[in-house]
Amino acid sequence: MVRTFARISSSLASRTDMVIKTNESMFISKLNPVYKFLSQQTHAQGLDIINLQEGRDNVPRFLHKSYDIWYGKTLEAFDAICFLYKTFFPNEIASYMKDRPKELERLNNQQKKFKKMLIEFSDLVDEINKLV
């Protein structure tokens, strides 16, 4: 898994169409935690590392802890995608937003709500606003 992700990071860092220059170590630090967790989930190791069975009985019930983990990881994955969009596609997004002021306003409102929670999303919106 480590070798695979190192190849992915190296490949991303070597792309010539980067708008915001980013090196391999930045790709690794931003994307590896999400990649590692999703890989563990995909290979059925997620429950082992989180220990959701502690204090459980055999009855299926809603687990707040399980939902909180899922929600947090969903936000992390979204923020990682925003990092990639910020690195490679801010011009395209800004071009789209130029002709859609209501969409840009909605985007800015979302940024205000999630500014502290989604750093890369917030940075992406800032970059889009500079270009619009």
C-alpha atoms as a PDB file:
ATOM      1  CA  MET A   1       0.000   0.000   0.000  1.00  0.00           C
ATOM      2  CA  VAL A   2       2.802   2.439   0.853  1.00  0.00           C
ATOM      3  CA  ARG A   3       4.550   1.821  -2.458  1.00  0.00           C
ATOM      4  CA  THR A   4       1.298   2.268  -4.354  1.00  0.00           C
ATOM      5  CA  PHE A   5       0.565   5.580  -2.665  1.00  0.00           C
ATOM      6  CA  ALA A   6       4.145   6.764  -3.160  1.00  0.00           C
ATOM      7  CA  ARG A   7       3.739   6.109  -6.891  1.00  0.00           C
ATOM      8  CA  ILE A   8       0.435   7.991  -6.938  1.00  0.00           C
ATOM      9  CA  SER A   9       1.983  10.966  -5.110  1.00  0.00           C
ATOM     10  CA  SER A  10       5.020  10.952  -7.391  1.00  0.00           C
ATOM     11  CA  SER A  11       2.782  10.841 -10.437  1.00  0.00           C
ATOM     12  CA  LEU A  12       0.668  13.758  -9.185  1.00  0.00           C
ATOM     13  CA  ALA A  13       3.761  15.809  -8.296  1.00  0.00           C
ATOM     14  CA  SER A  14       5.257  15.297 -11.755  1.00  0.00           C
ATOM     15  CA  ARG A  15       2.216  16.605 -13.636  1.00  0.00           C
ATOM     16  CA  THR A  16       2.946  19.688 -15.680  1.00  0.00           C
ATOM     17  CA  ASP A  17      -0.608  21.047 -15.588  1.00  0.00           C
ATOM     18  CA  MET A  18      -0.428  22.020 -11.911  1.00  0.00           C
ATOM     19  CA  VAL A  19      -1.791  25.519 -11.316  1.00  0.00           C
ATOM     20  CA  ILE A  20      -0.595  25.717  -7.724  1.00  0.00           C
ATOM     21  CA  LYS A  21       2.812  24.086  -7.456  1.00  0.00           C
ATOM     22  CA  THR A  22       2.754  21.227  -4.975  1.00  0.00           C
ATOM     23  CA  ASN A  23       5.519  18.760  -4.202  1.00  0.00           C
ATOM     24  CA  GLU A  24       5.338  15.031  -3.549  1.00  0.00           C
ATOM     25  CA  SER A  25       5.587  15.362   0.239  1.00  0.00           C
ATOM     26  CA  MET A  26       2.587  17.732   0.254  1.00  0.00           C
ATOM     27  CA  PHE A  27       0.523  15.222  -1.721  1.00  0.00           C
ATOM     28  CA  ILE A  28       1.548  12.509   0.728  1.00  0.00           C
ATOM     29  CA  SER A  29       0.702  14.562   3.828  1.00  0.00           C
ATOM     30  CA  LYS A  30      -2.689  15.704   2.482  1.00  0.00           C
ATOM     31  CA  LEU A  31      -3.874  12.509   0.807  1.00  0.00           C
ATOM     32  CA  ASN A  32      -2.208   9.561   2.551  1.00  0.00           C
ATOM     33  CA  PRO A  33      -4.351   9.591   5.740  1.00  0.00           C
ATOM     34  CA  VAL A  34      -7.555   9.428   3.688  1.00  0.00           C
ATOM     35  CA  TYR A  35      -6.105   6.865   1.283  1.00  0.00           C
ATOM     36  CA  LYS A  36      -4.870   4.682   4.144  1.00  0.00           C
ATOM     37  CA  PHE A  37      -8.218   4.700   5.969  1.00  0.00           C
ATOM     38  CA  LEU A  38     -10.240   4.011   2.814  1.00  0.00           C
ATOM     39  CA  SER A  39      -7.865   1.201   1.869  1.00  0.00           C
ATOM     40  CA  GLN A  40      -8.280  -0.390   5.305  1.00  0.00           C
ATOM     41  CA  GLN A  41     -12.055  -0.132   4.993  1.00  0.00           C
ATOM     42  CA  THR A  42     -11.959  -1.649   1.509  1.00  0.00           C
ATOM     43  CA  HIS A  43      -9.860  -4.562   2.746  1.00  0.00           C
ATOM     44  CA  ALA A  44     -12.154  -5.203   5.752  1.00  0.00           C
ATOM     45  CA  GLN A  45      -9.730  -3.912   8.378  1.00  0.00           C
ATOM     46  CA  GLY A  46     -11.747  -0.871   9.433  1.00  0.00           C
ATOM     47  CA  LEU A  47     -13.590  -2.409  12.370  1.00  0.00           C
ATOM     48  CA  ASP A  48     -10.391  -3.934  13.692  1.00  0.00           C
ATOM     49  CA  ILE A  49      -8.636  -0.587  13.966  1.00  0.00           C
ATOM     50  CA  ILE A  50     -11.592   1.365  15.355  1.00  0.00           C
ATOM     51  CA  ASN A  51     -12.856  -1.195  17.875  1.00  0.00           C
ATOM     52  CA  LEU A  52     -16.569  -0.511  17.529  1.00  0.00           C
ATOM     53  CA  GLN A  53     -17.543  -3.784  19.182  1.00  0.00           C
ATOM     54  CA  GLU A  54     -16.484  -2.821  22.705  1.00  0.00           C
ATOM     55  CA  GLY A  55     -19.483  -2.909  25.044  1.00  0.00           C
ATOM     56  CA  ARG A  56     -21.841  -4.176  22.331  1.00  0.00           C
ATOM     57  CA  ASP A  57     -24.339  -6.976  22.421  1.00  0.00           C
ATOM     58  CA  ASN A  58     -25.565  -8.988  19.449  1.00  0.00           C
ATOM     59  CA  VAL A  59     -28.526  -6.719  18.646  1.00  0.00           C
ATOM     60  CA  PRO A  60     -28.114  -4.410  15.626  1.00  0.00           C
ATOM     61  CA  ARG A  61     -28.321  -0.824  16.882  1.00  0.00           C
ATOM     62  CA  PHE A  62     -27.394   2.627  15.679  1.00  0.00           C
ATOM     63  CA  LEU A  63     -23.918   3.513  16.922  1.00  0.00           C
ATOM     64  CA  HIS A  64     -23.236   7.207  17.348  1.00  0.00           C
ATOM     65  CA  LYS A  65     -19.491   6.545  17.340  1.00  0.00           C
ATOM     66  CA  SER A  66     -19.753   4.694  14.027  1.00  0.00           C
ATOM     67  CA  TYR A  67     -21.702   7.530  12.417  1.00  0.00           C
ATOM     68  CA  ASP A  68     -19.289  10.146  13.771  1.00  0.00           C
ATOM     69  CA  ILE A  69     -16.341   8.244  12.292  1.00  0.00           C
ATOM     70  CA  TRP A  70     -18.109   7.879   8.936  1.00  0.00           C
ATOM     71  CA  TYR A  71     -19.092  11.577   8.850  1.00  0.00           C
ATOM     72  CA  GLY A  72     -15.598  12.729   9.805  1.00  0.00           C
ATOM     73  CA  LYS A  73     -13.988  10.547   7.150  1.00  0.00           C
ATOM     74  CA  THR A  74     -16.470  11.767   4.539  1.00  0.00           C
ATOM     75  CA  LEU A  75     -15.446  15.359   5.317  1.00  0.00           C
ATOM     76  CA  GLU A  76     -11.758  14.401   5.183  1.00  0.00           C
ATOM     77  CA  ALA A  77     -12.222  12.770   1.774  1.00  0.00           C
ATOM     78  CA  PHE A  78     -14.118  15.825   0.489  1.00  0.00           C
ATOM     79  CA  ASP A  79     -11.359  18.134   1.745  1.00  0.00           C
ATOM     80  CA  ALA A  80      -8.705  15.961   0.048  1.00  0.00           C
ATOM     81  CA  ILE A  81     -10.614  16.256  -3.227  1.00  0.00           C
ATOM     82  CA  CYS A  82     -10.773  20.032  -2.740  1.00  0.00           C
ATOM     83  CA  PHE A  83      -6.976  20.020  -2.322  1.00  0.00           C
ATOM     84  CA  LEU A  84      -6.660  18.288  -5.709  1.00  0.00           C
ATOM     85  CA  TYR A  85      -9.131  20.686  -7.347  1.00  0.00           C
ATOM     86  CA  LYS A  86      -7.228  23.642  -5.895  1.00  0.00           C
ATOM     87  CA  THR A  87      -3.956  22.243  -7.214  1.00  0.00           C
ATOM     88  CA  PHE A  88      -5.111  21.375 -10.726  1.00  0.00           C
ATOM     89  CA  PHE A  89      -8.437  23.032 -11.631  1.00  0.00           C
ATOM     90  CA  PRO A  90      -9.034  26.446 -10.003  1.00  0.00           C
ATOM     91  CA  ASN A  91      -9.093  28.197 -13.391  1.00  0.00           C
ATOM     92  CA  GLU A  92     -11.784  25.909 -14.751  1.00  0.00           C
ATOM     93  CA  ILE A  93     -13.942  26.312 -11.647  1.00  0.00           C
ATOM     94  CA  ALA A  94     -13.496  30.098 -11.650  1.00  0.00           C
ATOM     95  CA  SER A  95     -14.402  30.210 -15.336  1.00  0.00           C
ATOM     96  CA  TYR A  96     -17.587  28.307 -14.567  1.00  0.00           C
ATOM     97  CA  MET A  97     -18.428  30.593 -11.647  1.00  0.00           C
ATOM     98  CA  LYS A  98     -17.894  33.847 -13.597  1.00  0.00           C
ATOM     99  CA  ASP A  99     -21.162  33.378 -15.441  1.00  0.00           C
ATOM    100  CA  ARG A 100     -23.041  32.089 -12.400  1.00  0.00           C
ATOM    101  CA  PRO A 101     -23.076  34.745  -9.664  1.00  0.00           C
ATOM    102  CA  LYS A 102     -25.747  32.952  -7.633  1.00  0.00           C
ATOM    103  CA  GLU A 103     -23.661  29.775  -7.584  1.00  0.00           C
ATOM    104  CA  LEU A 104     -20.608  31.774  -6.506  1.00  0.00           C
ATOM    105  CA  GLU A 105     -22.632  33.411  -3.745  1.00  0.00           C
ATOM    106  CA  ARG A 106     -23.846  29.993  -2.607  1.00  0.00           C
ATOM    107  CA  LEU A 107     -20.263  28.697  -2.649  1.00  0.00           C
ATOM    108  CA  ASN A 108     -19.099  31.634  -0.530  1.00  0.00           C
ATOM    109  CA  ASN A 109     -21.921  31.032   1.947  1.00  0.00           C
ATOM    110  CA  GLN A 110     -20.868  27.390   2.274  1.00  0.00           C
ATOM    111  CA  GLN A 111     -17.293  28.490   2.824  1.00  0.00           C
ATOM    112  CA  LYS A 112     -18.388  30.647   5.765  1.00  0.00           C
ATOM    113  CA  LYS A 113     -20.155  27.677   7.349  1.00  0.00           C
ATOM    114  CA  PHE A 114     -17.307  25.201   6.903  1.00  0.00           C
ATOM    115  CA  LYS A 115     -14.239  27.475   7.058  1.00  0.00           C
ATOM    116  CA  LYS A 116     -12.762  25.917  10.209  1.00  0.00           C
ATOM    117  CA  MET A 117     -13.821  22.364   9.432  1.00  0.00           C
ATOM    118  CA  LEU A 118     -12.744  22.131   5.775  1.00  0.00           C
ATOM    119  CA  ILE A 119      -9.448  23.997   5.333  1.00  0.00           C
ATOM    120  CA  GLU A 120      -8.774  22.886   1.750  1.00  0.00           C
ATOM    121  CA  PHE A 121     -12.341  23.693   0.694  1.00  0.00           C
ATOM    122  CA  SER A 122     -11.952  27.159   2.175  1.00  0.00           C
ATOM    123  CA  ASP A 123      -8.605  27.637   0.399  1.00  0.00           C
ATOM    124  CA  LEU A 124     -10.156  26.463  -2.876  1.00  0.00           C
ATOM    125  CA  VAL A 125     -12.991  28.986  -2.567  1.00  0.00           C
ATOM    126  CA  ASP A 126     -10.457  31.745  -1.792  1.00  0.00           C
ATOM    127  CA  GLU A 127      -8.501  30.794  -4.911  1.00  0.00           C
ATOM    128  CA  ILE A 128     -11.672  30.790  -7.029  1.00  0.00           C
ATOM    129  CA  ASN A 129     -12.630  34.242  -5.721  1.00  0.00           C
ATOM    130  CA  LYS A 130      -9.186  35.598  -6.674  1.00  0.00           C
ATOM    131  CA  LEU A 131      -9.631  34.331 -10.216  1.00  0.00           C
ATOM    132  CA  VAL A 132     -13.248  35.437 -10.718  1.00  0.00           C
END
